[in-house]
Amino acid sequence: MFERQTEGSVSCPSCNKIVSVTAKTCPHCGRRNPGIWGYRRSLQRLGNDFGVIPIITWGCIALYIASLAMNPLGIGLGGGGAGMNSFLNFLSPSGQSTFILGSTGAVPVFTFGRWWTVLSSAWLHGSVLHILFNLLWIRHLAPSVAKFYGAGRLTILYIVAAVTGSLLTSLAGTGLMPLPPILQGASFSIGASGGVFGLFGAMLSYGQTTKDPAIRQIGWAYALIGFVYGLLVPRVDNWGHFGGFIGGYLVTKLPGFNPHKREGHIHLLVAIALLLASFLSVIASVVHAYLFIGSF
């Protein structure tokens, strides 16, 4: 799939004009490394997102299956309760499994010092409906965000939003702020919804920057639907949602995220580094759980 091209020409990712694959800079727009080390054509075949959406999708699915397989006897079937809460908990992995794999929140971060879980938690989910809803939102929104900002910047804002959501809910879950139960942070938190709300924030920001009222209204509408849902449904991580929305919005206000300018190769490098850090955070969670906390 990723065949390296060493000669010939490609289209520049920034201006779409034809350049030599070995050119150090695009003669038309000045973009550095327009051939992306010879992999421009291979990445182009993956679409606007350069394969990031499938990576997120299959990464979440793989870890959800792993969390179920680690403790089959601890899988929740949604029984023992009534109404919506029971329905939403169908096929939920045990808290033990998600802790090992990297759930975040006040307890993992501040009690056990597992600070890296602010990265790993976005790849974990608490039920089949939890992962289904989040992945549907990602697959619905991420292609548009990739078209607006580029694949590298999509990855950066999604992961940063997930981190800011995890950080905010972990801080709010310490109990240092006297809040009603519905507004309290999480002792334990998992899910990609912080990143999803970051996509809402990115769409709102894009609409503001480009003066496109339709995109701006869509961003607001999606966010409001999500926030209202969080207030009505039990055990929803509202601080994680709010932190993700703010994180995604603020990241797109950085100079390097101006949608009027094409992304550069530095965005792709940062995106790759963040994906690698996310993978390593899961590995670190498992190693730390077994070596430093005890056998499960």
C-alpha atoms as a PDB file:
ATOM      1  CA  MET A   1       0.000   0.000   0.000  1.00  0.00           C
ATOM      2  CA  PHE A   2       2.750   2.454   0.969  1.00  0.00           C
ATOM      3  CA  GLU A   3       5.023   2.141  -2.035  1.00  0.00           C
ATOM      4  CA  ARG A   4       7.713   4.805  -2.109  1.00  0.00           C
ATOM      5  CA  GLN A   5       8.051   6.798  -5.309  1.00  0.00           C
ATOM      6  CA  THR A   6      11.607   7.908  -6.121  1.00  0.00           C
ATOM      7  CA  GLU A   7      11.105   9.538  -9.488  1.00  0.00           C
ATOM      8  CA  GLY A   8       8.437  11.204 -11.570  1.00  0.00           C
ATOM      9  CA  SER A   9       5.919  13.797 -10.509  1.00  0.00           C
ATOM     10  CA  VAL A  10       3.062  14.223  -8.023  1.00  0.00           C
ATOM     11  CA  SER A  11       0.499  16.872  -7.186  1.00  0.00           C
ATOM     12  CA  CYS A  12       1.533  19.245  -4.419  1.00  0.00           C
ATOM     13  CA  PRO A  13      -0.662  18.700  -1.309  1.00  0.00           C
ATOM     14  CA  SER A  14      -0.986  22.469  -0.838  1.00  0.00           C
ATOM     15  CA  CYS A  15      -1.695  23.859  -4.319  1.00  0.00           C
ATOM     16  CA  ASN A  16      -2.421  20.628  -6.278  1.00  0.00           C
ATOM     17  CA  LYS A  17      -0.021  21.643  -9.050  1.00  0.00           C
ATOM     18  CA  ILE A  18       2.374  19.136 -10.574  1.00  0.00           C
ATOM     19  CA  VAL A  19       5.866  19.027  -9.053  1.00  0.00           C
ATOM     20  CA  SER A  20       8.798  16.641  -9.065  1.00  0.00           C
ATOM     21  CA  VAL A  21       8.557  14.019  -6.335  1.00  0.00           C
ATOM     22  CA  THR A  22      12.141  14.872  -5.318  1.00  0.00           C
ATOM     23  CA  ALA A  23      11.594  18.645  -5.134  1.00  0.00           C
ATOM     24  CA  LYS A  24      12.608  20.150  -1.807  1.00  0.00           C
ATOM     25  CA  THR A  25      10.042  22.924  -2.172  1.00  0.00           C
ATOM     26  CA  CYS A  26       7.066  23.442  -4.455  1.00  0.00           C
ATOM     27  CA  PRO A  27       8.008  26.035  -7.127  1.00  0.00           C
ATOM     28  CA  HIS A  28       4.376  27.194  -7.267  1.00  0.00           C
ATOM     29  CA  CYS A  29       3.413  27.728  -3.596  1.00  0.00           C
ATOM     30  CA  GLY A  30       6.663  27.239  -1.681  1.00  0.00           C
ATOM     31  CA  ARG A  31       5.519  24.241   0.362  1.00  0.00           C
ATOM     32  CA  ARG A  32       8.434  22.247   1.705  1.00  0.00           C
ATOM     33  CA  ASN A  33       8.733  18.567   0.801  1.00  0.00           C
ATOM     34  CA  PRO A  34       5.673  18.403  -1.507  1.00  0.00           C
ATOM     35  CA  GLY A  35       6.468  14.777  -2.365  1.00  0.00           C
ATOM     36  CA  ILE A  36       6.199  13.789   1.350  1.00  0.00           C
ATOM     37  CA  TRP A  37       9.375  11.683   1.181  1.00  0.00           C
ATOM     38  CA  GLY A  38       8.036   9.850  -1.887  1.00  0.00           C
ATOM     39  CA  TYR A  39       4.776   8.764  -0.242  1.00  0.00           C
ATOM     40  CA  ARG A  40       2.510  11.524  -1.566  1.00  0.00           C
ATOM     41  CA  ARG A  41       0.841   9.285  -4.158  1.00  0.00           C
ATOM     42  CA  SER A  42       0.266   6.434  -1.691  1.00  0.00           C
ATOM     43  CA  LEU A  43      -1.270   8.789   0.858  1.00  0.00           C
ATOM     44  CA  GLN A  44      -3.388  10.406  -1.829  1.00  0.00           C
ATOM     45  CA  ARG A  45      -5.053   7.044  -2.536  1.00  0.00           C
ATOM     46  CA  LEU A  46      -6.256   6.923   1.081  1.00  0.00           C
ATOM     47  CA  GLY A  47      -8.377  10.058   0.621  1.00  0.00           C
ATOM     48  CA  ASN A  48      -8.430  13.434   2.338  1.00  0.00           C
ATOM     49  CA  ASP A  49      -7.866  11.858   5.756  1.00  0.00           C
ATOM     50  CA  PHE A  50      -4.776   9.852   4.656  1.00  0.00           C
ATOM     51  CA  GLY A  51      -6.226   6.793   6.417  1.00  0.00           C
ATOM     52  CA  VAL A  52      -6.546   8.456   9.836  1.00  0.00           C
ATOM     53  CA  ILE A  53     -10.276   7.696  10.173  1.00  0.00           C
ATOM     54  CA  PRO A  54      -9.784   3.930   9.628  1.00  0.00           C
ATOM     55  CA  ILE A  55      -6.884   3.997  12.106  1.00  0.00           C
ATOM     56  CA  ILE A  56      -9.096   5.582  14.770  1.00  0.00           C
ATOM     57  CA  THR A  57     -12.025   3.304  13.919  1.00  0.00           C
ATOM     58  CA  TRP A  58     -10.152   0.021  13.967  1.00  0.00           C
ATOM     59  CA  GLY A  59      -7.989   1.057  16.901  1.00  0.00           C
ATOM     60  CA  CYS A  60     -11.104   1.673  19.011  1.00  0.00           C
ATOM     61  CA  ILE A  61     -12.720  -1.576  17.842  1.00  0.00           C
ATOM     62  CA  ALA A  62      -9.582  -3.619  18.569  1.00  0.00           C
ATOM     63  CA  LEU A  63      -9.254  -2.243  22.089  1.00  0.00           C
ATOM     64  CA  TYR A  64     -12.974  -2.687  22.775  1.00  0.00           C
ATOM     65  CA  ILE A  65     -12.702  -6.361  21.789  1.00  0.00           C
ATOM     66  CA  ALA A  66      -9.527  -6.678  23.883  1.00  0.00           C
ATOM     67  CA  SER A  67     -11.283  -5.171  26.912  1.00  0.00           C
ATOM     68  CA  LEU A  68     -14.074  -7.759  26.592  1.00  0.00           C
ATOM     69  CA  ALA A  69     -11.665 -10.660  26.044  1.00  0.00           C
ATOM     70  CA  MET A  70      -9.508  -9.767  29.066  1.00  0.00           C
ATOM     71  CA  ASN A  71     -12.311 -10.559  31.502  1.00  0.00           C
ATOM     72  CA  PRO A  72     -15.228 -12.387  29.846  1.00  0.00           C
ATOM     73  CA  LEU A  73     -16.905 -13.094  33.183  1.00  0.00           C
ATOM     74  CA  GLY A  74     -16.978  -9.369  33.938  1.00  0.00           C
ATOM     75  CA  ILE A  75     -18.888  -8.395  30.793  1.00  0.00           C
ATOM     76  CA  GLY A  76     -22.085  -6.516  31.576  1.00  0.00           C
ATOM     77  CA  LEU A  77     -25.190  -7.514  29.656  1.00  0.00           C
ATOM     78  CA  GLY A  78     -27.340  -4.570  30.684  1.00  0.00           C
ATOM     79  CA  GLY A  79     -29.391  -6.640  33.090  1.00  0.00           C
ATOM     80  CA  GLY A  80     -30.202  -5.856  36.668  1.00  0.00           C
ATOM     81  CA  GLY A  81     -31.376  -2.367  35.820  1.00  0.00           C
ATOM     82  CA  ALA A  82     -34.243  -0.666  34.150  1.00  0.00           C
ATOM     83  CA  GLY A  83     -34.819   1.679  31.272  1.00  0.00           C
ATOM     84  CA  MET A  84     -32.217   3.560  29.272  1.00  0.00           C
ATOM     85  CA  ASN A  85     -29.295   2.985  31.664  1.00  0.00           C
ATOM     86  CA  SER A  86     -29.595  -0.807  31.351  1.00  0.00           C
ATOM     87  CA  PHE A  87     -29.874  -0.540  27.566  1.00  0.00           C
ATOM     88  CA  LEU A  88     -26.791   1.653  27.258  1.00  0.00           C
ATOM     89  CA  ASN A  89     -24.668  -0.745  29.334  1.00  0.00           C
ATOM     90  CA  PHE A  90     -25.167  -3.748  27.051  1.00  0.00           C
ATOM     91  CA  LEU A  91     -21.846  -5.583  26.466  1.00  0.00           C
ATOM     92  CA  SER A  92     -19.855  -3.378  28.816  1.00  0.00           C
ATOM     93  CA  PRO A  93     -16.304  -4.502  29.661  1.00  0.00           C
ATOM     94  CA  SER A  94     -15.300  -4.729  33.296  1.00  0.00           C
ATOM     95  CA  GLY A  95     -13.816  -1.703  35.009  1.00  0.00           C
ATOM     96  CA  GLN A  96     -10.779  -3.842  35.733  1.00  0.00           C
ATOM     97  CA  SER A  97     -10.147  -4.399  32.027  1.00  0.00           C
ATOM     98  CA  THR A  98     -10.545  -0.749  31.049  1.00  0.00           C
ATOM     99  CA  PHE A  99      -8.313   0.329  33.948  1.00  0.00           C
ATOM    100  CA  ILE A 100      -5.545  -1.992  32.768  1.00  0.00           C
ATOM    101  CA  LEU A 101      -5.823  -0.713  29.194  1.00  0.00           C
ATOM    102  CA  GLY A 102      -5.763   2.933  30.236  1.00  0.00           C
ATOM    103  CA  SER A 103      -8.979   4.490  31.524  1.00  0.00           C
ATOM    104  CA  THR A 104      -8.444   8.004  32.830  1.00  0.00           C
ATOM    105  CA  GLY A 105     -10.158  10.135  35.458  1.00  0.00           C
ATOM    106  CA  ALA A 106      -9.406  11.433  38.931  1.00  0.00           C
ATOM    107  CA  VAL A 107      -8.473   8.011  40.355  1.00  0.00           C
ATOM    108  CA  PRO A 108      -6.060   6.815  37.621  1.00  0.00           C
ATOM    109  CA  VAL A 109      -4.432  10.233  37.169  1.00  0.00           C
ATOM    110  CA  PHE A 110      -4.202  11.527  40.746  1.00  0.00           C
ATOM    111  CA  THR A 111      -4.378   8.401  42.923  1.00  0.00           C
ATOM    112  CA  PHE A 112      -2.226   6.086  40.798  1.00  0.00           C
ATOM    113  CA  GLY A 113      -0.209   8.730  38.919  1.00  0.00           C
ATOM    114  CA  ARG A 114      -1.164   7.310  35.525  1.00  0.00           C
ATOM    115  CA  TRP A 115      -0.994  10.720  33.796  1.00  0.00           C
ATOM    116  CA  TRP A 116      -0.523   9.215  30.328  1.00  0.00           C
ATOM    117  CA  THR A 117      -4.057   7.805  30.424  1.00  0.00           C
ATOM    118  CA  VAL A 118      -5.333  11.166  29.180  1.00  0.00           C
ATOM    119  CA  LEU A 119      -4.125   9.808  25.823  1.00  0.00           C
ATOM    120  CA  SER A 120      -5.131   6.159  26.065  1.00  0.00           C
ATOM    121  CA  SER A 121      -8.675   6.609  27.392  1.00  0.00           C
ATOM    122  CA  ALA A 122     -10.056   7.983  24.108  1.00  0.00           C
ATOM    123  CA  TRP A 123      -9.461   4.585  22.477  1.00  0.00           C
ATOM    124  CA  LEU A 124     -11.543   2.676  25.056  1.00  0.00           C
ATOM    125  CA  HIS A 125     -15.318   2.306  25.316  1.00  0.00           C
ATOM    126  CA  GLY A 126     -17.810   1.163  27.897  1.00  0.00           C
ATOM    127  CA  SER A 127     -20.463  -0.642  25.842  1.00  0.00           C
ATOM    128  CA  VAL A 128     -21.397  -1.628  22.324  1.00  0.00           C
ATOM    129  CA  LEU A 129     -23.669   1.422  21.986  1.00  0.00           C
ATOM    130  CA  HIS A 130     -20.978   3.704  23.408  1.00  0.00           C
ATOM    131  CA  ILE A 131     -18.472   2.726  20.746  1.00  0.00           C
ATOM    132  CA  LEU A 132     -21.127   2.621  18.017  1.00  0.00           C
ATOM    133  CA  PHE A 133     -22.324   6.180  18.679  1.00  0.00           C
ATOM    134  CA  ASN A 134     -18.804   7.600  18.891  1.00  0.00           C
ATOM    135  CA  LEU A 135     -17.549   5.880  15.750  1.00  0.00           C
ATOM    136  CA  LEU A 136     -20.625   6.958  13.799  1.00  0.00           C
ATOM    137  CA  TRP A 137     -19.983  10.574  14.822  1.00  0.00           C
ATOM    138  CA  ILE A 138     -16.321  10.280  13.853  1.00  0.00           C
ATOM    139  CA  ARG A 139     -17.068   8.780  10.467  1.00  0.00           C
ATOM    140  CA  HIS A 140     -19.740  11.417   9.890  1.00  0.00           C
ATOM    141  CA  LEU A 141     -17.708  14.483  10.913  1.00  0.00           C
ATOM    142  CA  ALA A 142     -14.039  13.647  10.387  1.00  0.00           C
ATOM    143  CA  PRO A 143     -14.107  13.566   6.539  1.00  0.00           C
ATOM    144  CA  SER A 144     -15.425  17.149   6.471  1.00  0.00           C
ATOM    145  CA  VAL A 145     -12.879  18.314   9.058  1.00  0.00           C
ATOM    146  CA  ALA A 146     -10.105  16.617   7.062  1.00  0.00           C
ATOM    147  CA  LYS A 147     -11.319  18.448   3.955  1.00  0.00           C
ATOM    148  CA  PHE A 148     -11.337  21.778   5.820  1.00  0.00           C
ATOM    149  CA  TYR A 149      -8.015  21.441   7.669  1.00  0.00           C
ATOM    150  CA  GLY A 150      -6.113  18.474   6.212  1.00  0.00           C
ATOM    151  CA  ALA A 151      -5.385  15.004   7.560  1.00  0.00           C
ATOM    152  CA  GLY A 152      -2.510  16.031   9.820  1.00  0.00           C
ATOM    153  CA  ARG A 153      -4.402  18.845  11.462  1.00  0.00           C
ATOM    154  CA  LEU A 154      -7.499  16.633  11.817  1.00  0.00           C
ATOM    155  CA  THR A 155      -5.406  14.134  13.780  1.00  0.00           C
ATOM    156  CA  ILE A 156      -3.816  16.801  15.954  1.00  0.00           C
ATOM    157  CA  LEU A 157      -7.037  18.554  16.909  1.00  0.00           C
ATOM    158  CA  TYR A 158      -8.860  15.254  17.525  1.00  0.00           C
ATOM    159  CA  ILE A 159      -6.179  13.889  19.868  1.00  0.00           C
ATOM    160  CA  VAL A 160      -5.594  17.218  21.622  1.00  0.00           C
ATOM    161  CA  ALA A 161      -9.354  17.569  22.176  1.00  0.00           C
ATOM    162  CA  ALA A 162      -9.475  14.072  23.647  1.00  0.00           C
ATOM    163  CA  VAL A 163      -6.614  15.002  25.995  1.00  0.00           C
ATOM    164  CA  THR A 164      -8.174  18.299  27.115  1.00  0.00           C
ATOM    165  CA  GLY A 165     -11.447  16.481  27.757  1.00  0.00           C
ATOM    166  CA  SER A 166      -9.664  13.845  29.837  1.00  0.00           C
ATOM    167  CA  LEU A 167      -7.712  16.460  31.783  1.00  0.00           C
ATOM    168  CA  LEU A 168     -10.758  18.557  32.589  1.00  0.00           C
ATOM    169  CA  THR A 169     -12.910  15.661  33.766  1.00  0.00           C
ATOM    170  CA  SER A 170     -10.018  14.290  35.838  1.00  0.00           C
ATOM    171  CA  LEU A 171      -9.561  17.655  37.556  1.00  0.00           C
ATOM    172  CA  ALA A 172     -13.293  18.065  38.120  1.00  0.00           C
ATOM    173  CA  GLY A 173     -13.477  14.524  39.497  1.00  0.00           C
ATOM    174  CA  THR A 174     -11.080  15.247  42.357  1.00  0.00           C
ATOM    175  CA  GLY A 175     -13.923  16.689  44.423  1.00  0.00           C
ATOM    176  CA  LEU A 176     -12.065  19.944  45.029  1.00  0.00           C
ATOM    177  CA  MET A 177     -14.900  21.844  43.380  1.00  0.00           C
ATOM    178  CA  PRO A 178     -18.290  21.580  45.160  1.00  0.00           C
ATOM    179  CA  LEU A 179     -20.592  20.612  42.290  1.00  0.00           C
ATOM    180  CA  PRO A 180     -23.971  18.893  41.971  1.00  0.00           C
ATOM    181  CA  PRO A 181     -23.744  15.231  40.876  1.00  0.00           C
ATOM    182  CA  ILE A 182     -24.711  15.986  37.275  1.00  0.00           C
ATOM    183  CA  LEU A 183     -21.798  18.429  36.950  1.00  0.00           C
ATOM    184  CA  GLN A 184     -19.140  16.409  38.751  1.00  0.00           C
ATOM    185  CA  GLY A 185     -16.117  15.088  36.908  1.00  0.00           C
ATOM    186  CA  ALA A 186     -15.273  11.441  36.518  1.00  0.00           C
ATOM    187  CA  SER A 187     -13.406   9.148  38.876  1.00  0.00           C
ATOM    188  CA  PHE A 188     -12.938   6.889  35.847  1.00  0.00           C
ATOM    189  CA  SER A 189     -13.506   7.960  32.239  1.00  0.00           C
ATOM    190  CA  ILE A 190     -13.214   6.324  28.819  1.00  0.00           C
ATOM    191  CA  GLY A 191     -14.431   7.078  25.318  1.00  0.00           C
ATOM    192  CA  ALA A 192     -13.737   9.038  22.147  1.00  0.00           C
ATOM    193  CA  SER A 193     -16.437  11.625  22.858  1.00  0.00           C
ATOM    194  CA  GLY A 194     -13.894  14.275  23.902  1.00  0.00           C
ATOM    195  CA  GLY A 195     -12.355  13.985  20.438  1.00  0.00           C
ATOM    196  CA  VAL A 196     -15.822  13.999  18.851  1.00  0.00           C
ATOM    197  CA  PHE A 197     -16.719  17.223  20.642  1.00  0.00           C
ATOM    198  CA  GLY A 198     -13.379  18.586  19.461  1.00  0.00           C
ATOM    199  CA  LEU A 199     -14.630  18.025  15.907  1.00  0.00           C
ATOM    200  CA  PHE A 200     -17.766  20.010  16.798  1.00  0.00           C
ATOM    201  CA  GLY A 201     -15.540  22.845  18.024  1.00  0.00           C
ATOM    202  CA  ALA A 202     -13.398  22.653  14.884  1.00  0.00           C
ATOM    203  CA  MET A 203     -16.454  22.963  12.639  1.00  0.00           C
ATOM    204  CA  LEU A 204     -17.698  25.959  14.614  1.00  0.00           C
ATOM    205  CA  SER A 205     -14.269  27.587  14.348  1.00  0.00           C
ATOM    206  CA  TYR A 206     -14.083  26.885  10.608  1.00  0.00           C
ATOM    207  CA  GLY A 207     -17.468  28.533  10.076  1.00  0.00           C
ATOM    208  CA  GLN A 208     -16.350  31.591  12.028  1.00  0.00           C
ATOM    209  CA  THR A 209     -13.021  31.915  10.215  1.00  0.00           C
ATOM    210  CA  THR A 210     -14.431  31.431   6.719  1.00  0.00           C
ATOM    211  CA  LYS A 211     -17.607  33.433   7.440  1.00  0.00           C
ATOM    212  CA  ASP A 212     -19.687  30.390   6.507  1.00  0.00           C
ATOM    213  CA  PRO A 213     -22.878  30.602   8.607  1.00  0.00           C
ATOM    214  CA  ALA A 214     -24.067  27.123   7.597  1.00  0.00           C
ATOM    215  CA  ILE A 215     -20.953  25.366   8.927  1.00  0.00           C
ATOM    216  CA  ARG A 216     -20.979  27.553  12.045  1.00  0.00           C
ATOM    217  CA  GLN A 217     -24.589  26.660  12.763  1.00  0.00           C
ATOM    218  CA  ILE A 218     -23.910  22.965  12.207  1.00  0.00           C
ATOM    219  CA  GLY A 219     -21.060  23.086  14.716  1.00  0.00           C
ATOM    220  CA  TRP A 220     -23.251  24.803  17.313  1.00  0.00           C
ATOM    221  CA  ALA A 221     -26.197  22.478  16.649  1.00  0.00           C
ATOM    222  CA  TYR A 222     -24.160  19.296  17.028  1.00  0.00           C
ATOM    223  CA  ALA A 223     -22.528  20.583  20.209  1.00  0.00           C
ATOM    224  CA  LEU A 224     -25.851  21.613  21.752  1.00  0.00           C
ATOM    225  CA  ILE A 225     -27.389  18.236  20.940  1.00  0.00           C
ATOM    226  CA  GLY A 226     -24.423  16.541  22.600  1.00  0.00           C
ATOM    227  CA  PHE A 227     -24.538  18.731  25.699  1.00  0.00           C
ATOM    228  CA  VAL A 228     -28.295  18.305  26.151  1.00  0.00           C
ATOM    229  CA  TYR A 229     -27.921  14.543  25.722  1.00  0.00           C
ATOM    230  CA  GLY A 230     -25.242  14.564  28.409  1.00  0.00           C
ATOM    231  CA  LEU A 231     -27.508  16.371  30.856  1.00  0.00           C
ATOM    232  CA  LEU A 232     -30.441  14.017  30.268  1.00  0.00           C
ATOM    233  CA  VAL A 233     -28.693  10.633  30.216  1.00  0.00           C
ATOM    234  CA  PRO A 234     -27.114   9.204  33.393  1.00  0.00           C
ATOM    235  CA  ARG A 235     -23.352   8.694  33.766  1.00  0.00           C
ATOM    236  CA  VAL A 236     -22.355  10.824  30.782  1.00  0.00           C
ATOM    237  CA  ASP A 237     -18.980  12.571  31.127  1.00  0.00           C
ATOM    238  CA  ASN A 238     -20.105  16.175  30.629  1.00  0.00           C
ATOM    239  CA  TRP A 239     -16.748  17.649  31.664  1.00  0.00           C
ATOM    240  CA  GLY A 240     -15.017  15.416  29.130  1.00  0.00           C
ATOM    241  CA  HIS A 241     -17.376  16.679  26.440  1.00  0.00           C
ATOM    242  CA  PHE A 242     -16.914  20.311  27.404  1.00  0.00           C
ATOM    243  CA  GLY A 243     -13.132  19.976  27.636  1.00  0.00           C
ATOM    244  CA  GLY A 244     -12.992  18.298  24.229  1.00  0.00           C
ATOM    245  CA  PHE A 245     -15.130  21.015  22.643  1.00  0.00           C
ATOM    246  CA  ILE A 246     -12.959  23.796  24.075  1.00  0.00           C
ATOM    247  CA  GLY A 247      -9.763  21.952  23.124  1.00  0.00           C
ATOM    248  CA  GLY A 248     -10.823  21.391  19.518  1.00  0.00           C
ATOM    249  CA  TYR A 249     -12.010  24.977  19.175  1.00  0.00           C
ATOM    250  CA  LEU A 250      -8.869  26.559  20.653  1.00  0.00           C
ATOM    251  CA  VAL A 251      -6.443  24.403  18.675  1.00  0.00           C
ATOM    252  CA  THR A 252      -7.970  25.616  15.419  1.00  0.00           C
ATOM    253  CA  LYS A 253      -7.295  29.202  16.519  1.00  0.00           C
ATOM    254  CA  LEU A 254      -3.537  28.589  16.451  1.00  0.00           C
ATOM    255  CA  PRO A 255      -1.687  30.208  13.507  1.00  0.00           C
ATOM    256  CA  GLY A 256      -0.816  26.842  11.970  1.00  0.00           C
ATOM    257  CA  PHE A 257      -4.505  25.909  11.726  1.00  0.00           C
ATOM    258  CA  ASN A 258      -5.676  28.711   9.481  1.00  0.00           C
ATOM    259  CA  PRO A 259      -7.989  26.879   7.028  1.00  0.00           C
ATOM    260  CA  HIS A 260      -7.116  29.424   4.327  1.00  0.00           C
ATOM    261  CA  LYS A 261      -3.599  27.945   4.323  1.00  0.00           C
ATOM    262  CA  ARG A 262      -2.805  24.361   3.423  1.00  0.00           C
ATOM    263  CA  GLU A 263      -1.181  22.198   6.073  1.00  0.00           C
ATOM    264  CA  GLY A 264       2.539  21.497   5.850  1.00  0.00           C
ATOM    265  CA  HIS A 265       4.618  18.391   6.411  1.00  0.00           C
ATOM    266  CA  ILE A 266       5.252  19.455  10.018  1.00  0.00           C
ATOM    267  CA  HIS A 267       1.560  18.840  10.736  1.00  0.00           C
ATOM    268  CA  LEU A 268       1.894  15.285   9.448  1.00  0.00           C
ATOM    269  CA  LEU A 269       4.966  14.702  11.613  1.00  0.00           C
ATOM    270  CA  VAL A 270       3.183  15.974  14.726  1.00  0.00           C
ATOM    271  CA  ALA A 271       0.134  13.862  13.862  1.00  0.00           C
ATOM    272  CA  ILE A 272       2.263  10.717  13.509  1.00  0.00           C
ATOM    273  CA  ALA A 273       3.967  11.503  16.820  1.00  0.00           C
ATOM    274  CA  LEU A 274       0.602  11.869  18.585  1.00  0.00           C
ATOM    275  CA  LEU A 275      -0.700   8.600  17.142  1.00  0.00           C
ATOM    276  CA  LEU A 276       2.489   6.870  18.268  1.00  0.00           C
ATOM    277  CA  ALA A 277       2.188   8.449  21.731  1.00  0.00           C
ATOM    278  CA  SER A 278      -1.413   7.179  21.942  1.00  0.00           C
ATOM    279  CA  PHE A 279      -0.285   3.642  21.105  1.00  0.00           C
ATOM    280  CA  LEU A 280       2.540   3.820  23.640  1.00  0.00           C
ATOM    281  CA  SER A 281       0.154   5.145  26.302  1.00  0.00           C
ATOM    282  CA  VAL A 282      -1.903   1.945  26.051  1.00  0.00           C
ATOM    283  CA  ILE A 283       1.251  -0.168  26.313  1.00  0.00           C
ATOM    284  CA  ALA A 284       2.409   1.901  29.298  1.00  0.00           C
ATOM    285  CA  SER A 285      -0.964   1.418  30.993  1.00  0.00           C
ATOM    286  CA  VAL A 286      -0.807  -2.369  30.687  1.00  0.00           C
ATOM    287  CA  VAL A 287       2.826  -2.581  31.813  1.00  0.00           C
ATOM    288  CA  HIS A 288       2.238  -0.229  34.754  1.00  0.00           C
ATOM    289  CA  ALA A 289      -0.901  -2.087  35.856  1.00  0.00           C
ATOM    290  CA  TYR A 290       0.826  -5.461  36.031  1.00  0.00           C
ATOM    291  CA  LEU A 291       4.283  -4.440  37.233  1.00  0.00           C
ATOM    292  CA  PHE A 292       3.594  -1.601  39.655  1.00  0.00           C
ATOM    293  CA  ILE A 293      -0.005  -2.015  40.848  1.00  0.00           C
ATOM    294  CA  GLY A 294      -0.225  -5.783  41.010  1.00  0.00           C
ATOM    295  CA  SER A 295      -1.528  -8.770  39.122  1.00  0.00           C
ATOM    296  CA  PHE A 296      -5.188  -8.697  38.179  1.00  0.00           C
END
